[in-house]
PDB file of N, CA and C in Angstrom:
ATOM      1  N   UNK A   1      -2.285 -23.750 -16.765  1.00  0.00           N
ATOM      2  CA  UNK A   1      -2.995 -22.927 -15.800  1.00  0.00           C
ATOM      3  C   UNK A   1      -4.130 -22.167 -16.481  1.00  0.00           C
ATOM      4  N   UNK A   2      -3.844 -21.640 -17.665  1.00  0.00           N
ATOM      5  CA  UNK A   2      -4.855 -20.864 -18.376  1.00  0.00           C
ATOM      6  C   UNK A   2      -6.059 -21.737 -18.736  1.00  0.00           C
ATOM      7  N   UNK A   3      -5.794 -22.995 -19.131  1.00  0.00           N
ATOM      8  CA  UNK A   3      -6.880 -23.913 -19.472  1.00  0.00           C
ATOM      9  C   UNK A   3      -7.748 -24.205 -18.249  1.00  0.00           C
ATOM     10  N   UNK A   4      -7.112 -24.327 -17.092  1.00  0.00           N
ATOM     11  CA  UNK A   4      -7.850 -24.591 -15.853  1.00  0.00           C
ATOM     12  C   UNK A   4      -8.784 -23.429 -15.542  1.00  0.00           C
ATOM     13  N   UNK A   5      -8.298 -22.208 -15.687  1.00  0.00           N
ATOM     14  CA  UNK A   5      -9.109 -21.021 -15.432  1.00  0.00           C
ATOM     15  C   UNK A   5     -10.288 -20.964 -16.396  1.00  0.00           C
ATOM     16  N   UNK A   6     -10.052 -21.256 -17.654  1.00  0.00           N
ATOM     17  CA  UNK A   6     -11.119 -21.232 -18.657  1.00  0.00           C
ATOM     18  C   UNK A   6     -12.173 -22.287 -18.333  1.00  0.00           C
ATOM     19  N   UNK A   7     -11.742 -23.478 -17.964  1.00  0.00           N
ATOM     20  CA  UNK A   7     -12.680 -24.553 -17.614  1.00  0.00           C
ATOM     21  C   UNK A   7     -13.491 -24.164 -16.379  1.00  0.00           C
ATOM     22  N   UNK A   8     -12.833 -23.599 -15.376  1.00  0.00           N
ATOM     23  CA  UNK A   8     -13.539 -23.176 -14.166  1.00  0.00           C
ATOM     24  C   UNK A   8     -14.560 -22.080 -14.465  1.00  0.00           C
ATOM     25  N   UNK A   9     -14.196 -21.132 -15.315  1.00  0.00           N
ATOM     26  CA  UNK A   9     -15.127 -20.057 -15.677  1.00  0.00           C
ATOM     27  C   UNK A   9     -16.325 -20.620 -16.434  1.00  0.00           C
ATOM     28  N   UNK A  10     -16.090 -21.555 -17.332  1.00  0.00           N
ATOM     29  CA  UNK A  10     -17.186 -22.176 -18.083  1.00  0.00           C
ATOM     30  C   UNK A  10     -18.124 -22.909 -17.132  1.00  0.00           C
ATOM     31  N   UNK A  11     -17.563 -23.630 -16.183  1.00  0.00           N
ATOM     32  CA  UNK A  11     -18.380 -24.352 -15.200  1.00  0.00           C
ATOM     33  C   UNK A  11     -19.197 -23.378 -14.362  1.00  0.00           C
ATOM     34  N   UNK A  12     -18.601 -22.266 -14.000  1.00  0.00           N
ATOM     35  CA  UNK A  12     -19.299 -21.249 -13.221  1.00  0.00           C
ATOM     36  C   UNK A  12     -20.494 -20.702 -13.987  1.00  0.00           C
ATOM     37  N   UNK A  13     -20.321 -20.395 -15.265  1.00  0.00           N
ATOM     38  CA  UNK A  13     -21.423 -19.879 -16.077  1.00  0.00           C
ATOM     39  C   UNK A  13     -22.552 -20.892 -16.197  1.00  0.00           C
ATOM     40  N   UNK A  14     -22.216 -22.158 -16.338  1.00  0.00           N
ATOM     41  CA  UNK A  14     -23.239 -23.207 -16.421  1.00  0.00           C
ATOM     42  C   UNK A  14     -24.009 -23.287 -15.109  1.00  0.00           C
ATOM     43  N   UNK A  15     -23.289 -23.253 -13.987  1.00  0.00           N
ATOM     44  CA  UNK A  15     -23.939 -23.326 -12.675  1.00  0.00           C
ATOM     45  C   UNK A  15     -24.831 -22.124 -12.431  1.00  0.00           C
ATOM     46  N   UNK A  16     -24.351 -20.942 -12.732  1.00  0.00           N
ATOM     47  CA  UNK A  16     -25.135 -19.721 -12.535  1.00  0.00           C
ATOM     48  C   UNK A  16     -26.384 -19.761 -13.394  1.00  0.00           C
ATOM     49  N   UNK A  17     -26.262 -20.215 -14.618  1.00  0.00           N
ATOM     50  CA  UNK A  17     -27.422 -20.327 -15.498  1.00  0.00           C
ATOM     51  C   UNK A  17     -28.448 -21.289 -14.947  1.00  0.00           C
ATOM     52  N   UNK A  18     -27.999 -22.404 -14.388  1.00  0.00           N
ATOM     53  CA  UNK A  18     -28.908 -23.394 -13.811  1.00  0.00           C
ATOM     54  C   UNK A  18     -29.620 -22.844 -12.593  1.00  0.00           C
ATOM     55  N   UNK A  19     -28.900 -22.136 -11.738  1.00  0.00           N
ATOM     56  CA  UNK A  19     -29.502 -21.546 -10.550  1.00  0.00           C
ATOM     57  C   UNK A  19     -30.523 -20.494 -10.947  1.00  0.00           C
ATOM     58  N   UNK A  20     -30.187 -19.647 -11.911  1.00  0.00           N
ATOM     59  CA  UNK A  20     -31.117 -18.611 -12.359  1.00  0.00           C
ATOM     60  C   UNK A  20     -32.375 -19.232 -12.932  1.00  0.00           C
ATOM     61  N   UNK A  21     -32.214 -20.284 -13.697  1.00  0.00           N
ATOM     62  CA  UNK A  21     -33.360 -20.953 -14.299  1.00  0.00           C
ATOM     63  C   UNK A  21     -34.245 -21.564 -13.218  1.00  0.00           C
ATOM     64  N   UNK A  22     -33.655 -22.198 -12.224  1.00  0.00           N
ATOM     65  CA  UNK A  22     -34.424 -22.810 -11.140  1.00  0.00           C
ATOM     66  C   UNK A  22     -35.147 -21.751 -10.326  1.00  0.00           C
ATOM     67  N   UNK A  23     -34.474 -20.642 -10.047  1.00  0.00           N
ATOM     68  CA  UNK A  23     -35.096 -19.565  -9.284  1.00  0.00           C
ATOM     69  C   UNK A  23     -36.256 -18.967 -10.058  1.00  0.00           C
ATOM     70  N   UNK A  24     -36.101 -18.856 -11.365  1.00  0.00           N
ATOM     71  CA  UNK A  24     -37.151 -18.291 -12.200  1.00  0.00           C
ATOM     72  C   UNK A  24     -38.400 -19.162 -12.143  1.00  0.00           C
ATOM     73  N   UNK A  25     -38.232 -20.461 -12.236  1.00  0.00           N
ATOM     74  CA  UNK A  25     -39.369 -21.379 -12.184  1.00  0.00           C
ATOM     75  C   UNK A  25     -40.034 -21.292 -10.822  1.00  0.00           C
ATOM     76  N   UNK A  26     -39.244 -21.308  -9.747  1.00  0.00           N
ATOM     77  CA  UNK A  26     -39.776 -21.228  -8.397  1.00  0.00           C
ATOM     78  C   UNK A  26     -40.524 -19.924  -8.181  1.00  0.00           C
ATOM     79  N   UNK A  27     -39.989 -18.830  -8.708  1.00  0.00           N
ATOM     80  CA  UNK A  27     -40.584 -17.509  -8.511  1.00  0.00           C
ATOM     81  C   UNK A  27     -42.005 -17.448  -9.057  1.00  0.00           C
ATOM     82  N   UNK A  28     -42.294 -18.203 -10.091  1.00  0.00           N
ATOM     83  CA  UNK A  28     -43.634 -18.170 -10.683  1.00  0.00           C
ATOM     84  C   UNK A  28     -44.684 -18.791  -9.773  1.00  0.00           C
ATOM     85  N   UNK A  29     -44.264 -19.503  -8.760  1.00  0.00           N
ATOM     86  CA  UNK A  29     -45.193 -20.128  -7.820  1.00  0.00           C
ATOM     87  C   UNK A  29     -45.592 -19.180  -6.693  1.00  0.00           C
ATOM     88  N   UNK A  30     -45.054 -17.983  -6.712  1.00  0.00           N
ATOM     89  CA  UNK A  30     -45.275 -17.023  -5.630  1.00  0.00           C
ATOM     90  C   UNK A  30     -45.762 -15.702  -6.200  1.00  0.00           C
ATOM     91  N   UNK A  31     -46.468 -14.945  -5.383  1.00  0.00           N
ATOM     92  CA  UNK A  31     -46.913 -13.621  -5.793  1.00  0.00           C
ATOM     93  C   UNK A  31     -46.687 -12.645  -4.644  1.00  0.00           C
ATOM     94  N   UNK A  32     -46.461 -11.397  -4.985  1.00  0.00           N
ATOM     95  CA  UNK A  32     -46.307 -10.367  -3.961  1.00  0.00           C
ATOM     96  C   UNK A  32     -47.690  -9.826  -3.624  1.00  0.00           C
ATOM     97  N   UNK A  33     -48.006  -9.805  -2.339  1.00  0.00           N
ATOM     98  CA  UNK A  33     -49.267  -9.254  -1.863  1.00  0.00           C
ATOM     99  C   UNK A  33     -48.985  -7.832  -1.390  1.00  0.00           C
ATOM    100  N   UNK A  34     -49.770  -6.879  -1.880  1.00  0.00           N
ATOM    101  CA  UNK A  34     -49.633  -5.470  -1.494  1.00  0.00           C
ATOM    102  C   UNK A  34     -50.794  -5.124  -0.564  1.00  0.00           C
ATOM    103  N   UNK A  35     -50.468  -4.640   0.626  1.00  0.00           N
ATOM    104  CA  UNK A  35     -51.481  -4.344   1.633  1.00  0.00           C
ATOM    105  C   UNK A  35     -51.325  -2.903   2.101  1.00  0.00           C
ATOM    106  N   UNK A  36     -52.456  -2.256   2.367  1.00  0.00           N
ATOM    107  CA  UNK A  36     -52.459  -0.969   3.066  1.00  0.00           C
ATOM    108  C   UNK A  36     -53.012  -1.232   4.458  1.00  0.00           C
ATOM    109  N   UNK A  37     -52.281  -0.818   5.463  1.00  0.00           N
ATOM    110  CA  UNK A  37     -52.685  -1.064   6.847  1.00  0.00           C
ATOM    111  C   UNK A  37     -52.792   0.263   7.583  1.00  0.00           C
ATOM    112  N   UNK A  38     -53.949   0.507   8.216  1.00  0.00           N
ATOM    113  CA  UNK A  38     -54.124   1.726   9.003  1.00  0.00           C
ATOM    114  C   UNK A  38     -53.633   1.469  10.425  1.00  0.00           C
ATOM    115  N   UNK A  39     -52.695   2.285  10.857  1.00  0.00           N
ATOM    116  CA  UNK A  39     -52.081   2.140  12.175  1.00  0.00           C
ATOM    117  C   UNK A  39     -53.127   2.379  13.262  1.00  0.00           C
ATOM    118  N   UNK A  40     -53.143   1.473  14.237  1.00  0.00           N
ATOM    119  CA  UNK A  40     -54.061   1.553  15.372  1.00  0.00           C
ATOM    120  C   UNK A  40     -53.312   2.029  16.616  1.00  0.00           C
ATOM    121  N   UNK A  41     -54.051   2.477  17.611  1.00  0.00           N
ATOM    122  CA  UNK A  41     -53.470   2.894  18.886  1.00  0.00           C
ATOM    123  C   UNK A  41     -52.654   1.741  19.466  1.00  0.00           C
ATOM    124  N   UNK A  42     -51.432   2.014  19.868  1.00  0.00           N
ATOM    125  CA  UNK A  42     -50.576   1.004  20.484  1.00  0.00           C
ATOM    126  C   UNK A  42     -49.710   0.224  19.505  1.00  0.00           C
ATOM    127  N   UNK A  43     -49.952   0.380  18.200  1.00  0.00           N
ATOM    128  CA  UNK A  43     -49.124  -0.311  17.210  1.00  0.00           C
ATOM    129  C   UNK A  43     -47.702   0.239  17.228  1.00  0.00           C
ATOM    130  N   UNK A  44     -46.760  -0.642  16.995  1.00  0.00           N
ATOM    131  CA  UNK A  44     -45.379  -0.237  16.750  1.00  0.00           C
ATOM    132  C   UNK A  44     -44.981  -0.836  15.408  1.00  0.00           C
ATOM    133  N   UNK A  45     -43.937  -0.307  14.826  1.00  0.00           N
ATOM    134  CA  UNK A  45     -43.465  -0.865  13.561  1.00  0.00           C
ATOM    135  C   UNK A  45     -43.090  -2.333  13.757  1.00  0.00           C
ATOM    136  N   UNK A  46     -42.518  -2.647  14.897  1.00  0.00           N
ATOM    137  CA  UNK A  46     -42.144  -4.031  15.204  1.00  0.00           C
ATOM    138  C   UNK A  46     -43.382  -4.930  15.268  1.00  0.00           C
ATOM    139  N   UNK A  47     -44.438  -4.487  15.951  1.00  0.00           N
ATOM    140  CA  UNK A  47     -45.631  -5.338  16.091  1.00  0.00           C
ATOM    141  C   UNK A  47     -46.332  -5.547  14.752  1.00  0.00           C
ATOM    142  N   UNK A  48     -46.373  -4.508  13.928  1.00  0.00           N
ATOM    143  CA  UNK A  48     -46.984  -4.638  12.600  1.00  0.00           C
ATOM    144  C   UNK A  48     -46.146  -5.585  11.743  1.00  0.00           C
ATOM    145  N   UNK A  49     -44.832  -5.433  11.802  1.00  0.00           N
ATOM    146  CA  UNK A  49     -43.943  -6.312  11.031  1.00  0.00           C
ATOM    147  C   UNK A  49     -44.116  -7.765  11.466  1.00  0.00           C
ATOM    148  N   UNK A  50     -44.218  -8.009  12.759  1.00  0.00           N
ATOM    149  CA  UNK A  50     -44.408  -9.378  13.255  1.00  0.00           C
ATOM    150  C   UNK A  50     -45.719  -9.974  12.741  1.00  0.00           C
ATOM    151  N   UNK A  51     -46.783  -9.176  12.727  1.00  0.00           N
ATOM    152  CA  UNK A  51     -48.086  -9.647  12.244  1.00  0.00           C
ATOM    153  C   UNK A  51     -48.016 -10.043  10.778  1.00  0.00           C
ATOM    154  N   UNK A  52     -47.445  -9.179   9.945  1.00  0.00           N
ATOM    155  CA  UNK A  52     -47.427  -9.455   8.509  1.00  0.00           C
ATOM    156  C   UNK A  52     -46.339 -10.443   8.109  1.00  0.00           C
ATOM    157  N   UNK A  53     -45.297 -10.564   8.905  1.00  0.00           N
ATOM    158  CA  UNK A  53     -44.276 -11.568   8.615  1.00  0.00           C
ATOM    159  C   UNK A  53     -44.875 -12.971   8.725  1.00  0.00           C
ATOM    160  N   UNK A  54     -45.840 -13.152   9.618  1.00  0.00           N
ATOM    161  CA  UNK A  54     -46.509 -14.451   9.763  1.00  0.00           C
ATOM    162  C   UNK A  54     -47.305 -14.814   8.514  1.00  0.00           C
ATOM    163  N   UNK A  55     -47.752 -13.821   7.760  1.00  0.00           N
ATOM    164  CA  UNK A  55     -48.513 -14.065   6.533  1.00  0.00           C
ATOM    165  C   UNK A  55     -47.592 -14.407   5.361  1.00  0.00           C
ATOM    166  N   UNK A  56     -46.314 -14.066   5.488  1.00  0.00           N
ATOM    167  CA  UNK A  56     -45.329 -14.319   4.438  1.00  0.00           C
ATOM    168  C   UNK A  56     -45.041 -15.817   4.370  1.00  0.00           C
ATOM    169  N   UNK A  57     -45.418 -16.461   3.269  1.00  0.00           N
ATOM    170  CA  UNK A  57     -45.235 -17.909   3.158  1.00  0.00           C
ATOM    171  C   UNK A  57     -44.085 -18.284   2.229  1.00  0.00           C
ATOM    172  N   UNK A  58     -43.279 -17.321   1.808  1.00  0.00           N
ATOM    173  CA  UNK A  58     -42.191 -17.581   0.863  1.00  0.00           C
ATOM    174  C   UNK A  58     -41.044 -18.340   1.498  1.00  0.00           C
ATOM    175  N   UNK A  59     -40.929 -18.270   2.778  1.00  0.00           N
ATOM    176  CA  UNK A  59     -39.826 -18.922   3.473  1.00  0.00           C
ATOM    177  C   UNK A  59     -39.429 -18.085   4.668  1.00  0.00           C
ATOM    178  N   UNK A  60     -38.506 -18.602   5.432  1.00  0.00           N
ATOM    179  CA  UNK A  60     -38.078 -17.905   6.643  1.00  0.00           C
ATOM    180  C   UNK A  60     -37.431 -16.573   6.291  1.00  0.00           C
ATOM    181  N   UNK A  61     -37.925 -15.515   6.916  1.00  0.00           N
ATOM    182  CA  UNK A  61     -37.341 -14.183   6.730  1.00  0.00           C
ATOM    183  C   UNK A  61     -36.997 -13.608   8.087  1.00  0.00           C
ATOM    184  N   UNK A  62     -35.990 -12.809   8.111  1.00  0.00           N
ATOM    185  CA  UNK A  62     -35.553 -12.148   9.328  1.00  0.00           C
ATOM    186  C   UNK A  62     -36.496 -10.993   9.650  1.00  0.00           C
ATOM    187  N   UNK A  63     -36.945 -10.899  10.904  1.00  0.00           N
ATOM    188  CA  UNK A  63     -37.884  -9.848  11.306  1.00  0.00           C
ATOM    189  C   UNK A  63     -37.285  -8.461  11.089  1.00  0.00           C
ATOM    190  N   UNK A  64     -35.988  -8.309  11.340  1.00  0.00           N
ATOM    191  CA  UNK A  64     -35.352  -6.997  11.159  1.00  0.00           C
ATOM    192  C   UNK A  64     -35.356  -6.583   9.692  1.00  0.00           C
ATOM    193  N   UNK A  65     -35.080  -7.528   8.806  1.00  0.00           N
ATOM    194  CA  UNK A  65     -35.103  -7.255   7.366  1.00  0.00           C
ATOM    195  C   UNK A  65     -36.523  -6.885   6.917  1.00  0.00           C
ATOM    196  N   UNK A  66     -37.507  -7.631   7.404  1.00  0.00           N
ATOM    197  CA  UNK A  66     -38.898  -7.380   7.030  1.00  0.00           C
ATOM    198  C   UNK A  66     -39.344  -5.994   7.514  1.00  0.00           C
ATOM    199  N   UNK A  67     -39.006  -5.664   8.779  1.00  0.00           N
ATOM    200  CA  UNK A  67     -39.359  -4.357   9.351  1.00  0.00           C
ATOM    201  C   UNK A  67     -38.717  -3.227   8.548  1.00  0.00           C
ATOM    202  N   UNK A  68     -37.450  -3.394   8.176  1.00  0.00           N
ATOM    203  CA  UNK A  68     -36.772  -2.357   7.396  1.00  0.00           C
ATOM    204  C   UNK A  68     -37.366  -2.245   5.997  1.00  0.00           C
ATOM    205  N   UNK A  69     -37.869  -3.350   5.460  1.00  0.00           N
ATOM    206  CA  UNK A  69     -38.563  -3.301   4.172  1.00  0.00           C
ATOM    207  C   UNK A  69     -39.813  -2.444   4.246  1.00  0.00           C
ATOM    208  N   UNK A  70     -40.549  -2.552   5.353  1.00  0.00           N
ATOM    209  CA  UNK A  70     -41.734  -1.705   5.552  1.00  0.00           C
ATOM    210  C   UNK A  70     -41.304  -0.248   5.647  1.00  0.00           C
ATOM    211  N   UNK A  71     -40.228   0.000   6.375  1.00  0.00           N
ATOM    212  CA  UNK A  71     -39.730   1.378   6.526  1.00  0.00           C
ATOM    213  C   UNK A  71     -39.344   1.969   5.164  1.00  0.00           C
ATOM    214  N   UNK A  72     -38.717   1.173   4.313  1.00  0.00           N
ATOM    215  CA  UNK A  72     -38.312   1.658   2.988  1.00  0.00           C
ATOM    216  C   UNK A  72     -39.514   1.919   2.084  1.00  0.00           C
ATOM    217  N   UNK A  73     -40.561   1.100   2.201  1.00  0.00           N
ATOM    218  CA  UNK A  73     -41.773   1.323   1.402  1.00  0.00           C
ATOM    219  C   UNK A  73     -42.509   2.587   1.827  1.00  0.00           C
ATOM    220  N   UNK A  74     -42.330   2.963   3.072  1.00  0.00           N
ATOM    221  CA  UNK A  74     -43.002   4.128   3.649  1.00  0.00           C
ATOM    222  C   UNK A  74     -41.935   5.117   4.083  1.00  0.00           C
ATOM    223  N   UNK A  75     -41.369   5.832   3.113  1.00  0.00           N
ATOM    224  CA  UNK A  75     -40.195   6.660   3.395  1.00  0.00           C
ATOM    225  C   UNK A  75     -40.446   7.753   4.422  1.00  0.00           C
ATOM    226  N   UNK A  76     -41.695   8.081   4.690  1.00  0.00           N
ATOM    227  CA  UNK A  76     -41.986   9.059   5.743  1.00  0.00           C
ATOM    228  C   UNK A  76     -41.568   8.520   7.109  1.00  0.00           C
ATOM    229  N   UNK A  77     -41.439   7.192   7.239  1.00  0.00           N
ATOM    230  CA  UNK A  77     -40.973   6.603   8.500  1.00  0.00           C
ATOM    231  C   UNK A  77     -39.501   6.905   8.766  1.00  0.00           C
ATOM    232  N   UNK A  78     -38.802   7.378   7.750  1.00  0.00           N
ATOM    233  CA  UNK A  78     -37.396   7.747   7.933  1.00  0.00           C
ATOM    234  C   UNK A  78     -37.262   9.063   8.689  1.00  0.00           C
ATOM    235  N   UNK A  79     -38.343   9.860   8.701  1.00  0.00           N
ATOM    236  CA  UNK A  79     -38.268  11.179   9.332  1.00  0.00           C
ATOM    237  C   UNK A  79     -39.141  11.317  10.574  1.00  0.00           C
ATOM    238  N   UNK A  80     -40.070  10.375  10.778  1.00  0.00           N
ATOM    239  CA  UNK A  80     -40.917  10.454  11.976  1.00  0.00           C
ATOM    240  C   UNK A  80     -41.468   9.075  12.324  1.00  0.00           C
ATOM    241  N   UNK A  81     -41.951   8.960  13.570  1.00  0.00           N
ATOM    242  CA  UNK A  81     -42.575   7.709  14.006  1.00  0.00           C
ATOM    243  C   UNK A  81     -43.995   7.634  13.468  1.00  0.00           C
ATOM    244  N   UNK A  82     -44.521   6.432  13.385  1.00  0.00           N
ATOM    245  CA  UNK A  82     -45.892   6.282  12.917  1.00  0.00           C
ATOM    246  C   UNK A  82     -46.865   6.641  14.036  1.00  0.00           C
ATOM    247  N   UNK A  83     -48.048   7.077  13.619  1.00  0.00           N
ATOM    248  CA  UNK A  83     -49.082   7.500  14.556  1.00  0.00           C
ATOM    249  C   UNK A  83     -50.404   6.860  14.161  1.00  0.00           C
ATOM    250  N   UNK A  84     -51.319   6.774  15.113  1.00  0.00           N
ATOM    251  CA  UNK A  84     -52.647   6.233  14.848  1.00  0.00           C
ATOM    252  C   UNK A  84     -53.250   6.963  13.645  1.00  0.00           C
ATOM    253  N   UNK A  85     -53.797   6.195  12.707  1.00  0.00           N
ATOM    254  CA  UNK A  85     -54.405   6.771  11.510  1.00  0.00           C
ATOM    255  C   UNK A  85     -53.484   6.804  10.300  1.00  0.00           C
ATOM    256  N   UNK A  86     -52.179   6.699  10.516  1.00  0.00           N
ATOM    257  CA  UNK A  86     -51.257   6.613   9.380  1.00  0.00           C
ATOM    258  C   UNK A  86     -51.560   5.338   8.595  1.00  0.00           C
ATOM    259  N   UNK A  87     -51.274   5.369   7.309  1.00  0.00           N
ATOM    260  CA  UNK A  87     -51.474   4.183   6.478  1.00  0.00           C
ATOM    261  C   UNK A  87     -50.115   3.676   6.012  1.00  0.00           C
ATOM    262  N   UNK A  88     -49.848   2.418   6.331  1.00  0.00           N
ATOM    263  CA  UNK A  88     -48.599   1.771   5.935  1.00  0.00           C
ATOM    264  C   UNK A  88     -48.824   0.928   4.692  1.00  0.00           C
ATOM    265  N   UNK A  89     -47.882   0.987   3.775  1.00  0.00           N
ATOM    266  CA  UNK A  89     -47.860   0.042   2.652  1.00  0.00           C
ATOM    267  C   UNK A  89     -46.968  -1.113   3.080  1.00  0.00           C
ATOM    268  N   UNK A  90     -47.464  -2.327   2.894  1.00  0.00           N
ATOM    269  CA  UNK A  90     -46.723  -3.520   3.294  1.00  0.00           C
ATOM    270  C   UNK A  90     -46.789  -4.525   2.156  1.00  0.00           C
ATOM    271  N   UNK A  91     -45.661  -5.132   1.836  1.00  0.00           N
ATOM    272  CA  UNK A  91     -45.595  -6.188   0.819  1.00  0.00           C
ATOM    273  C   UNK A  91     -45.075  -7.459   1.466  1.00  0.00           C
ATOM    274  N   UNK A  92     -45.664  -8.580   1.073  1.00  0.00           N
ATOM    275  CA  UNK A  92     -45.138  -9.874   1.499  1.00  0.00           C
ATOM    276  C   UNK A  92     -45.438 -10.899   0.410  1.00  0.00           C
ATOM    277  N   UNK A  93     -44.740 -12.040   0.460  1.00  0.00           N
ATOM    278  CA  UNK A  93     -44.883 -13.088  -0.550  1.00  0.00           C
ATOM    279  C   UNK A  93     -45.877 -14.136  -0.094  1.00  0.00           C
ATOM    280  N   UNK A  94     -46.645 -14.638  -1.062  1.00  0.00           N
ATOM    281  CA  UNK A  94     -47.630 -15.674  -0.782  1.00  0.00           C
ATOM    282  C   UNK A  94     -47.603 -16.704  -1.907  1.00  0.00           C
ATOM    283  N   UNK A  95     -47.726 -17.965  -1.555  1.00  0.00           N
ATOM    284  CA  UNK A  95     -47.734 -19.028  -2.560  1.00  0.00           C
ATOM    285  C   UNK A  95     -49.018 -18.936  -3.376  1.00  0.00           C
ATOM    286  N   UNK A  96     -48.876 -19.072  -4.697  1.00  0.00           N
ATOM    287  CA  UNK A  96     -50.021 -19.031  -5.599  1.00  0.00           C
ATOM    288  C   UNK A  96     -50.698 -20.396  -5.556  1.00  0.00           C
ATOM    289  N   UNK A  97     -51.997 -20.401  -5.273  1.00  0.00           N
ATOM    290  CA  UNK A  97     -52.719 -21.683  -5.268  1.00  0.00           C
ATOM    291  C   UNK A  97     -53.130 -22.029  -6.686  1.00  0.00           C
ATOM    292  N   UNK A  98     -52.996 -23.288  -7.022  1.00  0.00           N
ATOM    293  CA  UNK A  98     -53.275 -23.720  -8.398  1.00  0.00           C
ATOM    294  C   UNK A  98     -54.563 -24.475  -8.486  1.00  0.00           C
TER     295      UNK A  98
END
């Protein structure tokens, strides 16, 4: 039994190392885009998130996760709603062209 556990743990470490290596290579093909967006009349956090989520080319992302990411980048959104003239920081992933 002990040998089986040791073999399984060794296999797990090899697999994790391979996944990390593959993710690392893939990650180099992408860059984070940092944007400042001035809130316009009628904007909502949802509408801004939908607009910038379309620019995200890293892969399918959940709109709720993306919207909450904007909220976390702009911690003042935790205490009040956004208003016309506010500036939002927004990050999204974009494929690096070679």
